[in-house]
Amino acid sequence: MPKDNRARFLDLAPVEESFRDAVLSGLSRREKAIPCKFLYDERGSALFDAICELPEYYLTRTETHILGKFAGEIAARIGRRCQLLEFGSGASRKVRLLLAALEDPGAYFAIDVSCELLRQATAKIAKDFPTLETLGVCADFIEPTRLPPLPFEANGKRVIFFPGSTIGNLTPEDAMRFLRGCRRIVRAGDGMLVGVDLKKDTILLERAYNDSSGVTAAFILNLLTRANRELGANFHTSRFDYQSHYNDRAGRVEMYIRSIADQVVTVAGRQIIFTAGERIHAENSYKYEIGEFQALAARSGFGAQACWRDDDDFFSVHYLRAE
């Protein structure tokens, strides 16, 4: 590969109408909701990066610590000449720990919904790893079988990297469907490396998703700002606030936008009525025990091969084998 290696880029981003349709459909329900994938426009992605630096938000620094500490063991599991597919790659920071440890990796495919961030990140990866084939794909990765076909490397494994406990944003049923989709785009013997947040003290969990500086609130409320900008909506963000709590029975943190007054909002020409206290569901973050997640993976066609954790048992990174 020449030293001036440049990342290739494929733009399959959902069209604006998909955001419009999702918002209008979600706000027309008895229990209002907007899919969490729409949190990640350019400003939303920047706010999420800020969340990852917060003292309350242990997830990013803990997973990064695990990946750094066990990079050699993980690389040995994966083997040489692998093709690494990262779903939800963002700024492609964590994957650098793996790329630096892997033996002669064959290719890196970064898939994310934030196109501009993806372009920047893959360009940096291509510059810093000049012998690595690099492709950025701007697409919704939650349905892996809809991704464009990618060539198999004959001599190495194809390994899906899914960090950040993003799988926790899916219900267990949707997580199983997602994992089954992942299984269909890899071969038997290939792998998947998944970051999974663990169940723990309720106070610690709730602090992680409701930081004292209000960055998480700004991240969630940015959905309204995006609707104003892209859909001609007239949300007054001062008339809404952010709420979150840990639902112990369901094993998930739930995040909402709450109307603090009776009001009528126009979205894409349609009037939406809100009563005081009515909420828009924005995101869930499911937490798992180690055995719970491994059983879910097994029902999806992946066998548990290894699990790495931090000393406090806050977070886990699983290596799964496609059966």
Protein backbone atom coordinates (compact mmCIF):
# COMPACT_ATOMS: atom_id res chain seq x y z
CA MET A 1 0.00 0.00 0.00
CA PRO A 2 1.51 3.42 -0.90
CA LYS A 3 2.47 5.82 1.87
CA ASP A 4 -0.08 8.37 0.70
CA ASN A 5 -2.94 5.96 1.46
CA ARG A 6 -6.28 7.76 1.59
CA ALA A 7 -9.53 6.51 3.04
CA ARG A 8 -12.30 5.69 0.62
CA PHE A 9 -15.78 6.89 1.54
CA LEU A 10 -19.27 5.65 0.76
CA ASP A 11 -22.26 7.85 1.64
CA LEU A 12 -25.40 5.84 2.31
CA ALA A 13 -26.80 8.21 4.93
CA PRO A 14 -30.56 8.11 5.45
CA VAL A 15 -32.30 10.92 3.59
CA GLU A 16 -33.82 13.82 5.52
CA GLU A 17 -37.32 12.44 4.99
CA SER A 18 -36.49 9.50 7.26
CA PHE A 19 -35.97 11.91 10.17
CA ARG A 20 -39.18 13.71 9.29
CA ASP A 21 -41.16 10.48 9.09
CA ALA A 22 -39.68 9.14 12.33
CA VAL A 23 -40.44 12.34 14.25
CA LEU A 24 -44.00 12.67 12.96
CA SER A 25 -44.72 9.01 13.55
CA GLY A 26 -43.13 9.00 17.00
CA LEU A 27 -44.89 12.15 18.19
CA SER A 28 -48.25 10.85 16.98
CA ARG A 29 -48.17 7.89 19.36
CA ARG A 30 -49.89 7.73 22.72
CA GLU A 31 -46.43 7.33 24.28
CA LYS A 32 -44.31 9.74 22.26
CA ALA A 33 -40.82 8.67 21.15
CA ILE A 34 -38.05 9.58 18.70
CA PRO A 35 -35.45 6.90 17.76
CA CYS A 36 -32.14 7.50 19.49
CA LYS A 37 -30.14 7.20 16.25
CA PHE A 38 -31.30 10.75 15.41
CA LEU A 39 -29.42 12.14 18.41
CA TYR A 40 -26.21 12.04 16.39
CA ASP A 41 -26.27 15.01 14.05
CA GLU A 42 -23.09 17.10 13.98
CA ARG A 43 -23.88 18.97 17.21
CA GLY A 44 -25.20 15.84 18.89
CA SER A 45 -22.01 13.95 18.07
CA ALA A 46 -19.92 16.79 19.52
CA LEU A 47 -22.03 16.81 22.69
CA PHE A 48 -21.66 13.06 23.04
CA ASP A 49 -17.88 13.42 22.77
CA ALA A 50 -18.11 15.92 25.63
CA ILE A 51 -20.19 13.45 27.66
CA CYS A 52 -17.44 10.86 27.27
CA GLU A 53 -15.04 13.21 29.10
CA LEU A 54 -17.34 13.81 32.09
CA PRO A 55 -16.28 12.46 35.50
CA GLU A 56 -19.69 10.85 36.04
CA TYR A 57 -19.64 9.01 32.72
CA TYR A 58 -17.40 6.05 33.52
CA LEU A 59 -18.23 4.02 30.40
CA THR A 60 -15.79 5.48 27.87
CA ARG A 61 -12.72 5.71 30.08
CA THR A 62 -13.36 2.25 31.56
CA GLU A 63 -13.77 0.56 28.18
CA THR A 64 -10.71 2.39 26.86
CA HIS A 65 -8.73 1.17 29.87
CA ILE A 66 -9.84 -2.43 29.22
CA LEU A 67 -8.95 -2.24 25.52
CA GLY A 68 -5.55 -0.76 26.30
CA LYS A 69 -4.73 -3.21 29.08
CA PHE A 70 -5.78 -6.32 27.16
CA ALA A 71 -5.02 -5.24 23.58
CA GLY A 72 -2.39 -7.95 23.20
CA GLU A 73 -4.74 -10.71 24.37
CA ILE A 74 -7.52 -9.42 22.14
CA ALA A 75 -5.19 -9.24 19.13
CA ALA A 76 -4.08 -12.81 19.75
CA ARG A 77 -7.71 -13.94 19.71
CA ILE A 78 -8.38 -12.12 16.45
CA GLY A 79 -5.19 -13.19 14.63
CA ARG A 80 -3.32 -11.72 11.70
CA ARG A 81 -4.67 -10.11 8.52
CA CYS A 82 -8.10 -9.45 10.00
CA GLN A 83 -10.74 -7.21 8.48
CA LEU A 84 -12.08 -5.01 11.26
CA LEU A 85 -15.60 -3.58 10.84
CA GLU A 86 -16.46 -0.96 13.44
CA PHE A 87 -20.14 -0.15 13.91
CA GLY A 88 -20.76 3.30 15.39
CA SER A 89 -17.14 4.28 14.83
CA GLY A 90 -17.53 7.98 15.73
CA ALA A 91 -14.09 9.55 15.99
CA SER A 92 -12.40 6.11 15.70
CA ARG A 93 -10.44 6.60 18.93
CA LYS A 94 -10.80 3.24 20.67
CA VAL A 95 -10.09 1.25 17.53
CA ARG A 96 -6.59 2.72 17.42
CA LEU A 97 -5.69 0.58 20.43
CA LEU A 98 -6.67 -2.52 18.48
CA LEU A 99 -5.09 -1.49 15.18
CA ALA A 100 -1.79 -0.82 16.93
CA ALA A 101 -1.86 -4.27 18.57
CA LEU A 102 -3.14 -6.36 15.66
CA GLU A 103 -0.70 -8.32 13.55
CA ASP A 104 -0.70 -6.96 10.01
CA PRO A 105 -4.42 -6.01 9.85
CA GLY A 106 -5.83 -6.24 6.36
CA ALA A 107 -8.56 -3.59 6.38
CA TYR A 108 -10.58 -1.25 8.56
CA PHE A 109 -14.18 -0.46 7.65
CA ALA A 110 -15.75 2.31 9.76
CA ILE A 111 -19.55 2.56 9.71
CA ASP A 112 -21.38 5.48 11.32
CA VAL A 113 -24.41 7.74 10.74
CA SER A 114 -22.49 11.01 11.23
CA CYS A 115 -20.98 11.59 7.79
CA GLU A 116 -18.69 14.56 8.43
CA LEU A 117 -17.22 13.06 11.60
CA LEU A 118 -16.70 9.79 9.73
CA ARG A 119 -14.86 11.51 6.89
CA GLN A 120 -12.50 13.24 9.33
CA ALA A 121 -11.91 10.13 11.42
CA THR A 122 -11.18 7.77 8.53
CA ALA A 123 -8.83 10.31 6.94
CA LYS A 124 -6.83 10.39 10.19
CA ILE A 125 -6.76 6.60 10.42
CA ALA A 126 -5.52 6.33 6.83
CA LYS A 127 -2.78 8.87 7.55
CA ASP A 128 -1.65 7.22 10.78
CA PHE A 129 -1.88 3.64 9.47
CA PRO A 130 -0.62 4.12 5.89
CA THR A 131 -0.52 0.41 4.97
CA LEU A 132 -4.09 -0.22 6.11
CA GLU A 133 -6.97 -0.32 3.62
CA THR A 134 -9.53 2.10 5.08
CA LEU A 135 -13.15 2.60 4.05
CA GLY A 136 -15.72 4.86 5.71
CA VAL A 137 -19.39 3.96 5.17
CA CYS A 138 -21.97 6.53 6.25
CA ALA A 139 -24.99 4.34 6.95
CA ASP A 140 -27.40 3.05 9.57
CA PHE A 141 -25.56 0.00 10.89
CA ILE A 142 -28.42 -1.34 13.04
CA GLU A 143 -29.48 -3.53 10.09
CA PRO A 144 -26.12 -5.03 9.05
CA THR A 145 -27.53 -7.03 6.14
CA ARG A 146 -28.44 -3.77 4.39
CA LEU A 147 -24.82 -2.65 4.28
CA PRO A 148 -23.05 -2.89 0.92
CA PRO A 149 -21.15 -6.14 0.29
CA LEU A 150 -17.54 -5.92 1.38
CA PRO A 151 -14.83 -8.24 0.03
CA PHE A 152 -13.58 -11.00 2.33
CA GLU A 153 -9.89 -11.20 3.14
CA ALA A 154 -8.87 -14.73 2.21
CA ASN A 155 -6.28 -15.21 4.94
CA GLY A 156 -7.78 -13.54 7.99
CA LYS A 157 -10.92 -13.24 10.06
CA ARG A 158 -13.64 -10.69 9.61
CA VAL A 159 -14.28 -9.20 13.06
CA ILE A 160 -17.05 -6.76 13.95
CA PHE A 161 -16.08 -4.20 16.61
CA PHE A 162 -19.07 -2.72 18.45
CA PRO A 163 -17.80 -0.62 21.37
CA GLY A 164 -19.34 1.89 23.74
CA SER A 165 -22.14 -0.34 25.07
CA THR A 166 -24.15 0.89 22.09
CA ILE A 167 -25.84 -2.50 22.09
CA GLY A 168 -27.49 -1.32 25.30
CA ASN A 169 -29.52 1.20 23.29
CA LEU A 170 -31.44 -1.75 21.85
CA THR A 171 -34.07 -3.78 23.65
CA PRO A 172 -32.89 -7.36 24.28
CA GLU A 173 -35.16 -8.49 21.44
CA ASP A 174 -33.74 -5.89 19.05
CA ALA A 175 -30.22 -6.69 20.25
CA MET A 176 -30.80 -10.32 19.31
CA ARG A 177 -32.04 -9.32 15.86
CA PHE A 178 -29.02 -7.06 15.43
CA LEU A 179 -26.60 -9.81 16.47
CA ARG A 180 -28.29 -12.25 14.10
CA GLY A 181 -27.82 -9.68 11.33
CA CYS A 182 -24.14 -9.43 12.27
CA ARG A 183 -23.87 -13.21 12.15
CA ARG A 184 -25.17 -13.22 8.57
CA ILE A 185 -22.39 -10.93 7.31
CA VAL A 186 -19.53 -12.98 8.79
CA ARG A 187 -18.38 -16.55 8.26
CA ALA A 188 -18.20 -19.38 10.78
CA GLY A 189 -15.06 -18.82 12.83
CA ASP A 190 -15.11 -15.05 12.37
CA GLY A 191 -15.62 -12.88 15.42
CA MET A 192 -17.30 -9.97 17.13
CA LEU A 193 -15.83 -7.74 19.85
CA VAL A 194 -18.57 -6.03 21.88
CA GLY A 195 -18.47 -3.52 24.73
CA VAL A 196 -21.22 -4.18 27.30
CA ASP A 197 -22.02 -2.10 30.37
CA LEU A 198 -22.66 -4.14 33.51
CA LYS A 199 -25.40 -3.88 36.12
CA LYS A 200 -24.26 -1.97 39.19
CA ASP A 201 -25.29 0.48 41.89
CA THR A 202 -28.34 2.56 40.90
CA ILE A 203 -26.86 5.84 42.15
CA LEU A 204 -23.73 5.40 40.02
CA LEU A 205 -25.82 4.57 36.95
CA GLU A 206 -28.16 7.53 37.35
CA ARG A 207 -25.26 9.96 37.84
CA ALA A 208 -23.66 8.70 34.62
CA TYR A 209 -26.77 9.70 32.64
CA ASN A 210 -27.64 12.93 34.44
CA ASP A 211 -24.38 14.80 34.91
CA SER A 212 -24.11 17.85 37.14
CA SER A 213 -22.95 20.11 34.29
CA GLY A 214 -26.01 19.39 32.12
CA VAL A 215 -24.17 18.09 29.05
CA THR A 216 -26.35 14.98 28.79
CA ALA A 217 -29.46 17.12 29.04
CA ALA A 218 -28.16 19.31 26.18
CA PHE A 219 -27.42 16.17 24.14
CA ILE A 220 -30.95 14.80 24.50
CA LEU A 221 -32.69 18.19 24.07
CA ASN A 222 -30.70 18.73 20.88
CA LEU A 223 -33.32 16.50 19.24
CA LEU A 224 -35.71 19.44 19.50
CA THR A 225 -33.16 21.86 18.08
CA ARG A 226 -32.54 19.50 15.18
CA ALA A 227 -36.28 19.28 14.50
CA ASN A 228 -36.49 23.08 14.49
CA ARG A 229 -33.63 23.33 12.02
CA GLU A 230 -34.45 20.45 9.67
CA LEU A 231 -38.22 20.14 9.93
CA GLY A 232 -39.33 23.73 10.43
CA ALA A 233 -40.57 22.88 13.93
CA ASN A 234 -41.14 25.56 16.58
CA PHE A 235 -40.11 23.79 19.78
CA HIS A 236 -39.30 26.26 22.57
CA THR A 237 -36.61 24.32 24.38
CA SER A 238 -37.15 26.35 27.55
CA ARG A 239 -40.56 24.68 27.80
CA PHE A 240 -39.02 21.20 27.94
CA ASP A 241 -36.58 19.56 30.29
CA TYR A 242 -34.60 16.31 30.54
CA GLN A 243 -35.41 13.38 32.81
CA SER A 244 -33.68 10.04 33.33
CA HIS A 245 -33.84 7.17 35.81
CA TYR A 246 -32.71 3.57 36.19
CA ASN A 247 -35.50 1.03 35.80
CA ASP A 248 -34.18 -1.81 37.94
CA ARG A 249 -36.88 -4.27 36.89
CA ALA A 250 -36.12 -3.79 33.17
CA GLY A 251 -32.38 -3.38 33.72
CA ARG A 252 -32.10 -0.13 31.81
CA VAL A 253 -31.54 3.61 32.15
CA GLU A 254 -34.45 5.47 30.52
CA MET A 255 -34.05 8.98 29.08
CA TYR A 256 -36.88 11.38 28.26
CA ILE A 257 -37.70 14.90 27.12
CA ARG A 258 -40.54 16.26 29.31
CA SER A 259 -42.96 19.03 28.48
CA ILE A 260 -43.20 21.39 31.45
CA ALA A 261 -46.41 23.07 30.21
CA ASP A 262 -49.50 22.46 28.13
CA GLN A 263 -48.48 23.51 24.63
CA VAL A 264 -48.94 22.98 20.91
CA VAL A 265 -45.88 22.55 18.67
CA THR A 266 -45.83 22.60 14.88
CA VAL A 267 -43.56 20.01 13.25
CA ALA A 268 -43.28 19.79 9.45
CA GLY A 269 -46.62 21.58 9.18
CA ARG A 270 -48.41 19.28 11.61
CA GLN A 271 -49.61 20.38 15.06
CA ILE A 272 -48.55 18.19 18.00
CA ILE A 273 -50.29 18.64 21.36
CA PHE A 274 -48.32 18.25 24.60
CA THR A 275 -49.80 18.23 28.09
CA ALA A 276 -47.75 19.34 31.09
CA GLY A 277 -45.63 16.40 32.23
CA GLU A 278 -45.96 14.47 28.98
CA ARG A 279 -42.72 12.89 27.85
CA ILE A 280 -40.89 11.98 24.64
CA HIS A 281 -38.84 8.82 25.03
CA ALA A 282 -35.36 9.50 23.61
CA GLU A 283 -33.12 6.60 24.58
CA ASN A 284 -32.64 3.47 26.69
CA SER A 285 -29.37 2.04 27.92
CA TYR A 286 -29.70 -1.59 28.96
CA LYS A 287 -27.25 -3.11 31.42
CA TYR A 288 -26.35 -6.81 31.59
CA GLU A 289 -24.81 -9.41 33.81
CA ILE A 290 -21.98 -11.30 32.08
CA GLY A 291 -24.03 -14.48 31.76
CA GLU A 292 -27.09 -12.60 30.52
CA PHE A 293 -25.24 -11.11 27.59
CA GLN A 294 -23.42 -14.32 26.70
CA ALA A 295 -26.75 -16.19 26.65
CA LEU A 296 -28.20 -13.50 24.37
CA ALA A 297 -25.20 -13.85 22.04
CA ALA A 298 -25.54 -17.66 22.01
CA ARG A 299 -29.17 -17.39 20.90
CA SER A 300 -27.96 -15.15 18.06
CA GLY A 301 -25.34 -17.50 16.62
CA PHE A 302 -22.26 -16.36 18.55
CA GLY A 303 -20.37 -18.37 21.15
CA ALA A 304 -18.62 -16.64 24.06
CA GLN A 305 -14.84 -17.01 23.77
CA ALA A 306 -13.41 -14.45 26.20
CA CYS A 307 -14.50 -11.59 28.46
CA TRP A 308 -12.33 -8.81 29.83
CA ARG A 309 -13.42 -6.56 32.73
CA ASP A 310 -12.06 -3.70 34.81
CA ASP A 311 -11.15 -4.25 38.47
CA ASP A 312 -14.41 -2.66 39.68
CA ASP A 313 -16.61 -4.81 37.40
CA PHE A 314 -18.15 -1.70 35.88
CA PHE A 315 -17.76 -2.69 32.22
CA SER A 316 -17.00 -5.72 30.03
CA VAL A 317 -15.57 -6.41 26.58
CA HIS A 318 -16.62 -9.72 25.00
CA TYR A 319 -15.01 -11.64 22.17
CA LEU A 320 -17.61 -13.79 20.43
CA ARG A 321 -17.05 -16.48 17.80
CA ALA A 322 -19.47 -16.93 14.90
CA GLU A 323 -20.77 -20.50 15.16
